[in-house]
């Protein structure tokens, strides 16, 4: 599995219209997966506890999908700035920004949030 000590994220159980991407880390899973187990990279969003958060923290509007087995060794993962995240499926780009209160939560948790370009 590579030298990454980060356990892998869930892989989407379906690649239909129910796919969503986390607005912070761009991890892709189905709506139900985010609702049941949250985001592996952003547990502080607590999507598994507050199901309304899934809609606030994720988007169905994204472009492209990349699967990353070992983010620490992948040049593409480093280029996309996901090299420190869990192995899994990610989008290349989201077109929406996090809501203001969730941006503040990222600051409180001292985690980096990079809004999409042009938003």
C-alpha atoms as a PDB file:
ATOM      1  CA  UNK A   1       0.000   0.000   0.000  1.00  0.00           C
ATOM      2  CA  UNK A   2       2.991   2.359   0.046  1.00  0.00           C
ATOM      3  CA  UNK A   3       4.689   4.186   2.867  1.00  0.00           C
ATOM      4  CA  UNK A   4       1.790   6.472   3.735  1.00  0.00           C
ATOM      5  CA  UNK A   5       0.633   5.918   7.327  1.00  0.00           C
ATOM      6  CA  UNK A   6      -2.718   7.586   6.682  1.00  0.00           C
ATOM      7  CA  UNK A   7      -5.531   5.050   6.374  1.00  0.00           C
ATOM      8  CA  UNK A   8      -7.341   5.246   3.040  1.00  0.00           C
ATOM      9  CA  UNK A   9     -10.634   7.085   2.641  1.00  0.00           C
ATOM     10  CA  UNK A  10     -13.764   5.266   1.541  1.00  0.00           C
ATOM     11  CA  UNK A  11     -13.994   4.735  -2.204  1.00  0.00           C
ATOM     12  CA  UNK A  12     -17.301   5.904  -3.739  1.00  0.00           C
ATOM     13  CA  UNK A  13     -19.814   3.062  -3.841  1.00  0.00           C
ATOM     14  CA  UNK A  14     -21.306   4.481  -7.022  1.00  0.00           C
ATOM     15  CA  UNK A  15     -20.247   6.930  -9.708  1.00  0.00           C
ATOM     16  CA  UNK A  16     -23.688   8.367 -10.437  1.00  0.00           C
ATOM     17  CA  UNK A  17     -25.249  11.750  -9.789  1.00  0.00           C
ATOM     18  CA  UNK A  18     -25.137  11.258  -5.996  1.00  0.00           C
ATOM     19  CA  UNK A  19     -21.375  11.904  -5.904  1.00  0.00           C
ATOM     20  CA  UNK A  20     -20.254  14.925  -3.915  1.00  0.00           C
ATOM     21  CA  UNK A  21     -16.865  16.535  -3.273  1.00  0.00           C
ATOM     22  CA  UNK A  22     -15.721  18.021   0.032  1.00  0.00           C
ATOM     23  CA  UNK A  23     -15.300  21.771  -0.440  1.00  0.00           C
ATOM     24  CA  UNK A  24     -12.131  21.825   1.678  1.00  0.00           C
ATOM     25  CA  UNK A  25     -10.102  18.765   0.650  1.00  0.00           C
ATOM     26  CA  UNK A  26     -11.978  17.766  -2.561  1.00  0.00           C
ATOM     27  CA  UNK A  27     -12.448  14.130  -1.456  1.00  0.00           C
ATOM     28  CA  UNK A  28     -15.202  12.457  -3.493  1.00  0.00           C
ATOM     29  CA  UNK A  29     -17.759  10.110  -1.948  1.00  0.00           C
ATOM     30  CA  UNK A  30     -21.500   9.612  -2.238  1.00  0.00           C
ATOM     31  CA  UNK A  31     -23.892  11.746  -0.197  1.00  0.00           C
ATOM     32  CA  UNK A  32     -24.745   8.691   1.937  1.00  0.00           C
ATOM     33  CA  UNK A  33     -21.072   7.949   2.628  1.00  0.00           C
ATOM     34  CA  UNK A  34     -20.443  11.520   3.822  1.00  0.00           C
ATOM     35  CA  UNK A  35     -23.606  11.290   5.950  1.00  0.00           C
ATOM     36  CA  UNK A  36     -22.595   7.968   7.503  1.00  0.00           C
ATOM     37  CA  UNK A  37     -18.870   8.502   8.106  1.00  0.00           C
ATOM     38  CA  UNK A  38     -18.058  12.155   7.368  1.00  0.00           C
ATOM     39  CA  UNK A  39     -14.890  13.234   5.590  1.00  0.00           C
ATOM     40  CA  UNK A  40     -11.691  11.385   6.495  1.00  0.00           C
ATOM     41  CA  UNK A  41      -9.584  14.525   5.919  1.00  0.00           C
ATOM     42  CA  UNK A  42     -11.962  16.970   7.633  1.00  0.00           C
ATOM     43  CA  UNK A  43     -13.437  15.202  10.696  1.00  0.00           C
ATOM     44  CA  UNK A  44     -13.967  18.580  12.414  1.00  0.00           C
ATOM     45  CA  UNK A  45     -16.865  19.252   9.987  1.00  0.00           C
ATOM     46  CA  UNK A  46     -18.712  16.429  11.843  1.00  0.00           C
ATOM     47  CA  UNK A  47     -20.855  15.599   8.796  1.00  0.00           C
ATOM     48  CA  UNK A  48     -21.646  12.202  10.314  1.00  0.00           C
ATOM     49  CA  UNK A  49     -23.213  13.908  13.360  1.00  0.00           C
ATOM     50  CA  UNK A  50     -24.959  16.831  11.642  1.00  0.00           C
ATOM     51  CA  UNK A  51     -26.402  15.680   8.335  1.00  0.00           C
ATOM     52  CA  UNK A  52     -27.218  19.248   7.251  1.00  0.00           C
ATOM     53  CA  UNK A  53     -23.455  19.782   7.187  1.00  0.00           C
ATOM     54  CA  UNK A  54     -23.107  17.372   4.253  1.00  0.00           C
ATOM     55  CA  UNK A  55     -24.933  19.864   2.036  1.00  0.00           C
ATOM     56  CA  UNK A  56     -22.925  22.810   3.437  1.00  0.00           C
ATOM     57  CA  UNK A  57     -19.501  21.136   3.231  1.00  0.00           C
ATOM     58  CA  UNK A  58     -19.810  19.259  -0.072  1.00  0.00           C
ATOM     59  CA  UNK A  59     -20.901  19.987  -3.629  1.00  0.00           C
ATOM     60  CA  UNK A  60     -22.165  17.933  -6.566  1.00  0.00           C
ATOM     61  CA  UNK A  61     -20.474  20.473  -8.891  1.00  0.00           C
ATOM     62  CA  UNK A  62     -16.909  19.452  -9.608  1.00  0.00           C
ATOM     63  CA  UNK A  63     -14.640  18.682 -12.559  1.00  0.00           C
ATOM     64  CA  UNK A  64     -12.605  15.537 -13.063  1.00  0.00           C
ATOM     65  CA  UNK A  65     -11.704  12.667 -10.745  1.00  0.00           C
ATOM     66  CA  UNK A  66      -8.289  11.386  -9.725  1.00  0.00           C
ATOM     67  CA  UNK A  67      -7.674   8.272  -7.651  1.00  0.00           C
ATOM     68  CA  UNK A  68      -4.635   8.525  -5.396  1.00  0.00           C
ATOM     69  CA  UNK A  69      -3.151   5.394  -3.821  1.00  0.00           C
ATOM     70  CA  UNK A  70      -0.112   6.978  -2.138  1.00  0.00           C
ATOM     71  CA  UNK A  71      -0.495  10.778  -1.954  1.00  0.00           C
ATOM     72  CA  UNK A  72       3.010  11.226  -0.512  1.00  0.00           C
ATOM     73  CA  UNK A  73       4.623   9.751  -3.638  1.00  0.00           C
ATOM     74  CA  UNK A  74       2.261  11.143  -6.273  1.00  0.00           C
ATOM     75  CA  UNK A  75       3.404  14.226  -8.185  1.00  0.00           C
ATOM     76  CA  UNK A  76      -0.224  14.776  -9.222  1.00  0.00           C
ATOM     77  CA  UNK A  77      -1.336  14.748  -5.581  1.00  0.00           C
ATOM     78  CA  UNK A  78       1.361  17.288  -4.688  1.00  0.00           C
ATOM     79  CA  UNK A  79       0.392  19.436  -7.692  1.00  0.00           C
ATOM     80  CA  UNK A  80      -3.264  19.334  -6.578  1.00  0.00           C
ATOM     81  CA  UNK A  81      -2.185  20.049  -2.970  1.00  0.00           C
ATOM     82  CA  UNK A  82      -3.698  16.818  -1.672  1.00  0.00           C
ATOM     83  CA  UNK A  83      -0.363  15.128  -0.857  1.00  0.00           C
ATOM     84  CA  UNK A  84      -1.038  15.135   2.896  1.00  0.00           C
ATOM     85  CA  UNK A  85      -4.596  13.767   2.624  1.00  0.00           C
ATOM     86  CA  UNK A  86      -5.839  10.173   2.865  1.00  0.00           C
ATOM     87  CA  UNK A  87      -5.541   7.913  -0.190  1.00  0.00           C
ATOM     88  CA  UNK A  88      -8.844   8.001  -2.082  1.00  0.00           C
ATOM     89  CA  UNK A  89     -10.755   9.610  -4.947  1.00  0.00           C
ATOM     90  CA  UNK A  90     -10.501  13.374  -5.376  1.00  0.00           C
ATOM     91  CA  UNK A  91     -11.797  15.966  -7.783  1.00  0.00           C
ATOM     92  CA  UNK A  92      -9.451  18.156  -9.785  1.00  0.00           C
ATOM     93  CA  UNK A  93     -11.523  21.270  -9.093  1.00  0.00           C
ATOM     94  CA  UNK A  94     -14.613  22.468  -7.256  1.00  0.00           C
ATOM     95  CA  UNK A  95     -16.353  25.659  -8.326  1.00  0.00           C
ATOM     96  CA  UNK A  96     -17.853  26.679  -4.971  1.00  0.00           C
ATOM     97  CA  UNK A  97     -16.315  28.087  -1.801  1.00  0.00           C
ATOM     98  CA  UNK A  98     -17.014  26.986   1.756  1.00  0.00           C
ATOM     99  CA  UNK A  99     -19.649  29.040   3.606  1.00  0.00           C
ATOM    100  CA  UNK A 100     -18.180  31.736   5.860  1.00  0.00           C
ATOM    101  CA  UNK A 101     -18.924  29.923   9.147  1.00  0.00           C
ATOM    102  CA  UNK A 102     -17.097  26.831   7.908  1.00  0.00           C
ATOM    103  CA  UNK A 103     -14.122  28.905   6.725  1.00  0.00           C
ATOM    104  CA  UNK A 104     -13.975  30.228  10.298  1.00  0.00           C
ATOM    105  CA  UNK A 105     -14.132  26.654  11.625  1.00  0.00           C
ATOM    106  CA  UNK A 106     -11.078  25.780   9.477  1.00  0.00           C
ATOM    107  CA  UNK A 107      -9.237  28.751  11.017  1.00  0.00           C
ATOM    108  CA  UNK A 108     -10.279  27.651  14.523  1.00  0.00           C
ATOM    109  CA  UNK A 109      -9.010  24.125  13.778  1.00  0.00           C
ATOM    110  CA  UNK A 110      -5.788  25.579  12.288  1.00  0.00           C
ATOM    111  CA  UNK A 111      -6.249  23.720   9.005  1.00  0.00           C
ATOM    112  CA  UNK A 112      -5.539  25.267   5.643  1.00  0.00           C
ATOM    113  CA  UNK A 113      -8.441  26.131   3.373  1.00  0.00           C
ATOM    114  CA  UNK A 114      -7.714  27.215  -0.184  1.00  0.00           C
ATOM    115  CA  UNK A 115     -10.808  28.599  -1.919  1.00  0.00           C
ATOM    116  CA  UNK A 116     -11.218  27.764  -5.610  1.00  0.00           C
ATOM    117  CA  UNK A 117      -9.665  30.292  -7.982  1.00  0.00           C
ATOM    118  CA  UNK A 118     -12.044  32.983  -9.138  1.00  0.00           C
ATOM    119  CA  UNK A 119     -14.588  32.477  -6.324  1.00  0.00           C
END
